[in-house]
Amino acid sequence: MKLETIKTFDNPINAHILKTRLESEGIECYLFDENISTLNPLFNISVGGIKLNIKNTDRDKAQAIIQEIEGNDLLDEEDHTIYCPKCNSKHLYAGFKSMKDFKGIMSAIIAFVFMVFPIYFKTVYRCKDCGFEF
């Protein structure tokens, strides 16, 4: 049995949600580097994130499930599809952590100097097509 990394995550919650979904479909899953990434999020970059591994024989089935999940449109509170205000695209990242403004840049510098997790960032939508954040 050879294992293959199907997806990587930056937080354990999303990793466990997808792992549970795949296991409910009969696909055996394993999470690697979860503990080190959870204990110190700065190590997440150095180990390459939390890796969701499956048997290579289950790859096609797992990719179809992931495509089904990620292919759904993002909806607001009133169940309307969310579109990018700049290019009108519906291909968006949800929960993108942005540090583009002055506070974000200062937070990154402080985090680098003191070797701590960044203390400020905004969670926004980011367009996959034009890169606009809103």
C-alpha atoms as a PDB file:
ATOM      1  CA  MET A   1       0.000   0.000   0.000  1.00  0.00           C
ATOM      2  CA  LYS A   2       1.520   3.280  -1.126  1.00  0.00           C
ATOM      3  CA  LEU A   3       0.230   6.545   0.363  1.00  0.00           C
ATOM      4  CA  GLU A   4      -0.189   9.730  -1.621  1.00  0.00           C
ATOM      5  CA  THR A   5      -0.761  13.303  -0.430  1.00  0.00           C
ATOM      6  CA  ILE A   6      -4.075  14.444  -1.882  1.00  0.00           C
ATOM      7  CA  LYS A   7      -4.288  17.888  -0.207  1.00  0.00           C
ATOM      8  CA  THR A   8      -2.461  20.086   2.296  1.00  0.00           C
ATOM      9  CA  PHE A   9      -4.007  22.380   4.915  1.00  0.00           C
ATOM     10  CA  ASP A  10      -2.907  25.219   7.157  1.00  0.00           C
ATOM     11  CA  ASN A  11      -5.298  24.349   9.977  1.00  0.00           C
ATOM     12  CA  PRO A  12      -6.451  21.055  11.497  1.00  0.00           C
ATOM     13  CA  ILE A  13     -10.169  21.875  11.415  1.00  0.00           C
ATOM     14  CA  ASN A  14     -10.427  21.926   7.625  1.00  0.00           C
ATOM     15  CA  ALA A  15      -8.196  18.860   7.436  1.00  0.00           C
ATOM     16  CA  HIS A  16     -10.476  16.873   9.747  1.00  0.00           C
ATOM     17  CA  ILE A  17     -13.625  17.995   7.925  1.00  0.00           C
ATOM     18  CA  LEU A  18     -12.340  16.658   4.601  1.00  0.00           C
ATOM     19  CA  LYS A  19     -10.875  13.556   6.270  1.00  0.00           C
ATOM     20  CA  THR A  20     -14.251  12.764   7.811  1.00  0.00           C
ATOM     21  CA  ARG A  21     -16.016  13.271   4.481  1.00  0.00           C
ATOM     22  CA  LEU A  22     -13.613  10.956   2.665  1.00  0.00           C
ATOM     23  CA  GLU A  23     -13.848   8.312   5.402  1.00  0.00           C
ATOM     24  CA  SER A  24     -17.648   8.430   5.187  1.00  0.00           C
ATOM     25  CA  GLU A  25     -17.247   7.509   1.499  1.00  0.00           C
ATOM     26  CA  GLY A  26     -15.084   4.503   2.427  1.00  0.00           C
ATOM     27  CA  ILE A  27     -11.669   6.044   1.703  1.00  0.00           C
ATOM     28  CA  GLU A  28      -9.003   5.352   4.317  1.00  0.00           C
ATOM     29  CA  CYS A  29      -7.223   8.638   5.253  1.00  0.00           C
ATOM     30  CA  TYR A  30      -4.227   9.667   7.344  1.00  0.00           C
ATOM     31  CA  LEU A  31      -3.115  13.118   8.533  1.00  0.00           C
ATOM     32  CA  PHE A  32       0.605  13.838   8.727  1.00  0.00           C
ATOM     33  CA  ASP A  33       2.338  16.736  10.540  1.00  0.00           C
ATOM     34  CA  GLU A  34      -0.894  17.690  12.292  1.00  0.00           C
ATOM     35  CA  ASN A  35       0.558  17.863  15.799  1.00  0.00           C
ATOM     36  CA  ILE A  36       3.610  19.970  14.943  1.00  0.00           C
ATOM     37  CA  SER A  37       1.475  22.399  12.952  1.00  0.00           C
ATOM     38  CA  THR A  38      -1.080  22.674  15.739  1.00  0.00           C
ATOM     39  CA  LEU A  39       1.445  23.182  18.530  1.00  0.00           C
ATOM     40  CA  ASN A  40       3.277  25.997  16.771  1.00  0.00           C
ATOM     41  CA  PRO A  41       1.670  27.454  13.636  1.00  0.00           C
ATOM     42  CA  LEU A  42       5.011  28.951  12.564  1.00  0.00           C
ATOM     43  CA  PHE A  43       6.293  25.416  11.966  1.00  0.00           C
ATOM     44  CA  ASN A  44       3.428  24.898   9.530  1.00  0.00           C
ATOM     45  CA  ILE A  45       5.427  26.558   6.755  1.00  0.00           C
ATOM     46  CA  SER A  46       8.595  24.586   7.426  1.00  0.00           C
ATOM     47  CA  VAL A  47       6.903  21.159   7.377  1.00  0.00           C
ATOM     48  CA  GLY A  48       4.681  21.994   4.412  1.00  0.00           C
ATOM     49  CA  GLY A  49       1.336  22.091   6.195  1.00  0.00           C
ATOM     50  CA  ILE A  50      -0.931  19.320   7.391  1.00  0.00           C
ATOM     51  CA  LYS A  51      -0.952  16.612   4.743  1.00  0.00           C
ATOM     52  CA  LEU A  52      -3.991  14.449   4.014  1.00  0.00           C
ATOM     53  CA  ASN A  53      -2.783  11.127   2.633  1.00  0.00           C
ATOM     54  CA  ILE A  54      -4.765   8.330   1.050  1.00  0.00           C
ATOM     55  CA  LYS A  55      -3.994   5.061  -0.699  1.00  0.00           C
ATOM     56  CA  ASN A  56      -2.979   5.698  -4.287  1.00  0.00           C
ATOM     57  CA  THR A  57      -5.694   3.276  -5.434  1.00  0.00           C
ATOM     58  CA  ASP A  58      -8.362   5.659  -4.026  1.00  0.00           C
ATOM     59  CA  ARG A  59      -6.979   8.771  -5.754  1.00  0.00           C
ATOM     60  CA  ASP A  60      -9.628   9.114  -8.482  1.00  0.00           C
ATOM     61  CA  LYS A  61     -12.542   8.677  -6.097  1.00  0.00           C
ATOM     62  CA  ALA A  62     -11.047  11.160  -3.607  1.00  0.00           C
ATOM     63  CA  GLN A  63     -10.330  13.765  -6.284  1.00  0.00           C
ATOM     64  CA  ALA A  64     -13.919  13.518  -7.522  1.00  0.00           C
ATOM     65  CA  ILE A  65     -15.202  14.169  -3.974  1.00  0.00           C
ATOM     66  CA  ILE A  66     -12.821  17.118  -3.517  1.00  0.00           C
ATOM     67  CA  GLN A  67     -13.889  18.590  -6.873  1.00  0.00           C
ATOM     68  CA  GLU A  68     -17.527  18.259  -5.829  1.00  0.00           C
ATOM     69  CA  ILE A  69     -16.864  20.096  -2.564  1.00  0.00           C
ATOM     70  CA  GLU A  70     -14.687  22.847  -4.035  1.00  0.00           C
ATOM     71  CA  GLY A  71     -16.872  23.259  -7.113  1.00  0.00           C
ATOM     72  CA  ASN A  72     -19.787  24.645  -5.113  1.00  0.00           C
ATOM     73  CA  ASP A  73     -20.337  28.406  -5.269  1.00  0.00           C
ATOM     74  CA  LEU A  74     -19.843  30.505  -2.150  1.00  0.00           C
ATOM     75  CA  LEU A  75     -23.138  31.767  -0.739  1.00  0.00           C
ATOM     76  CA  ASP A  76     -23.997  34.695   1.531  1.00  0.00           C
ATOM     77  CA  GLU A  77     -26.507  34.649   4.413  1.00  0.00           C
ATOM     78  CA  GLU A  78     -29.444  34.910   2.007  1.00  0.00           C
ATOM     79  CA  ASP A  79     -28.219  32.008  -0.194  1.00  0.00           C
ATOM     80  CA  HIS A  80     -27.146  34.274  -3.054  1.00  0.00           C
ATOM     81  CA  THR A  81     -23.936  33.483  -4.918  1.00  0.00           C
ATOM     82  CA  ILE A  82     -21.040  35.789  -4.020  1.00  0.00           C
ATOM     83  CA  TYR A  83     -19.306  37.452  -6.982  1.00  0.00           C
ATOM     84  CA  CYS A  84     -16.099  39.482  -7.168  1.00  0.00           C
ATOM     85  CA  PRO A  85     -17.032  43.178  -7.280  1.00  0.00           C
ATOM     86  CA  LYS A  86     -14.132  43.930  -9.644  1.00  0.00           C
ATOM     87  CA  CYS A  87     -14.373  41.248 -12.358  1.00  0.00           C
ATOM     88  CA  ASN A  88     -17.741  39.602 -11.516  1.00  0.00           C
ATOM     89  CA  SER A  89     -16.146  36.157 -11.165  1.00  0.00           C
ATOM     90  CA  LYS A  90     -17.503  33.547  -8.769  1.00  0.00           C
ATOM     91  CA  HIS A  91     -14.149  31.741  -8.373  1.00  0.00           C
ATOM     92  CA  LEU A  92     -13.210  32.883  -4.873  1.00  0.00           C
ATOM     93  CA  TYR A  93     -11.088  31.878  -1.910  1.00  0.00           C
ATOM     94  CA  ALA A  94     -13.097  32.063   1.310  1.00  0.00           C
ATOM     95  CA  GLY A  95     -11.376  32.867   4.595  1.00  0.00           C
ATOM     96  CA  PHE A  96      -8.244  34.281   2.931  1.00  0.00           C
ATOM     97  CA  LYS A  97      -5.959  35.897   5.521  1.00  0.00           C
ATOM     98  CA  SER A  98      -4.867  39.282   4.200  1.00  0.00           C
ATOM     99  CA  MET A  99      -2.090  41.448   5.601  1.00  0.00           C
ATOM    100  CA  LYS A 100      -2.020  44.081   2.837  1.00  0.00           C
ATOM    101  CA  ASP A 101      -2.693  47.239   4.842  1.00  0.00           C
ATOM    102  CA  PHE A 102      -0.324  49.100   7.206  1.00  0.00           C
ATOM    103  CA  LYS A 103      -1.438  47.165  10.306  1.00  0.00           C
ATOM    104  CA  GLY A 104      -0.838  43.878   8.506  1.00  0.00           C
ATOM    105  CA  ILE A 105       2.662  44.846   7.397  1.00  0.00           C
ATOM    106  CA  MET A 106       3.590  46.031  10.886  1.00  0.00           C
ATOM    107  CA  SER A 107       2.180  42.819  12.335  1.00  0.00           C
ATOM    108  CA  ALA A 108       4.319  40.756   9.950  1.00  0.00           C
ATOM    109  CA  ILE A 109       7.461  42.698  10.909  1.00  0.00           C
ATOM    110  CA  ILE A 110       6.745  42.310  14.631  1.00  0.00           C
ATOM    111  CA  ALA A 111       6.001  38.607  14.162  1.00  0.00           C
ATOM    112  CA  PHE A 112       9.287  38.133  12.304  1.00  0.00           C
ATOM    113  CA  VAL A 113      11.365  40.051  14.878  1.00  0.00           C
ATOM    114  CA  PHE A 114       9.840  38.377  17.939  1.00  0.00           C
ATOM    115  CA  MET A 115       9.277  35.000  16.255  1.00  0.00           C
ATOM    116  CA  VAL A 116       5.589  34.857  17.158  1.00  0.00           C
ATOM    117  CA  PHE A 117       2.440  34.188  15.168  1.00  0.00           C
ATOM    118  CA  PRO A 118       1.173  37.333  13.374  1.00  0.00           C
ATOM    119  CA  ILE A 119      -1.170  39.168  15.708  1.00  0.00           C
ATOM    120  CA  TYR A 120      -3.209  40.974  13.061  1.00  0.00           C
ATOM    121  CA  PHE A 121      -4.751  39.949   9.780  1.00  0.00           C
ATOM    122  CA  LYS A 122      -8.091  40.418   8.069  1.00  0.00           C
ATOM    123  CA  THR A 123     -10.130  37.463   6.860  1.00  0.00           C
ATOM    124  CA  VAL A 124     -11.485  38.316   3.416  1.00  0.00           C
ATOM    125  CA  TYR A 125     -12.678  36.805   0.163  1.00  0.00           C
ATOM    126  CA  ARG A 126     -10.043  36.764  -2.581  1.00  0.00           C
ATOM    127  CA  CYS A 127     -10.816  36.401  -6.265  1.00  0.00           C
ATOM    128  CA  LYS A 128      -8.926  33.557  -7.950  1.00  0.00           C
ATOM    129  CA  ASP A 129      -9.065  35.341 -11.298  1.00  0.00           C
ATOM    130  CA  CYS A 130      -8.033  38.952 -10.580  1.00  0.00           C
ATOM    131  CA  GLY A 131      -6.632  38.740  -7.022  1.00  0.00           C
ATOM    132  CA  PHE A 132      -8.984  41.418  -5.659  1.00  0.00           C
ATOM    133  CA  GLU A 133      -9.710  41.152  -1.915  1.00  0.00           C
ATOM    134  CA  PHE A 134     -13.025  42.179  -0.414  1.00  0.00           C
END
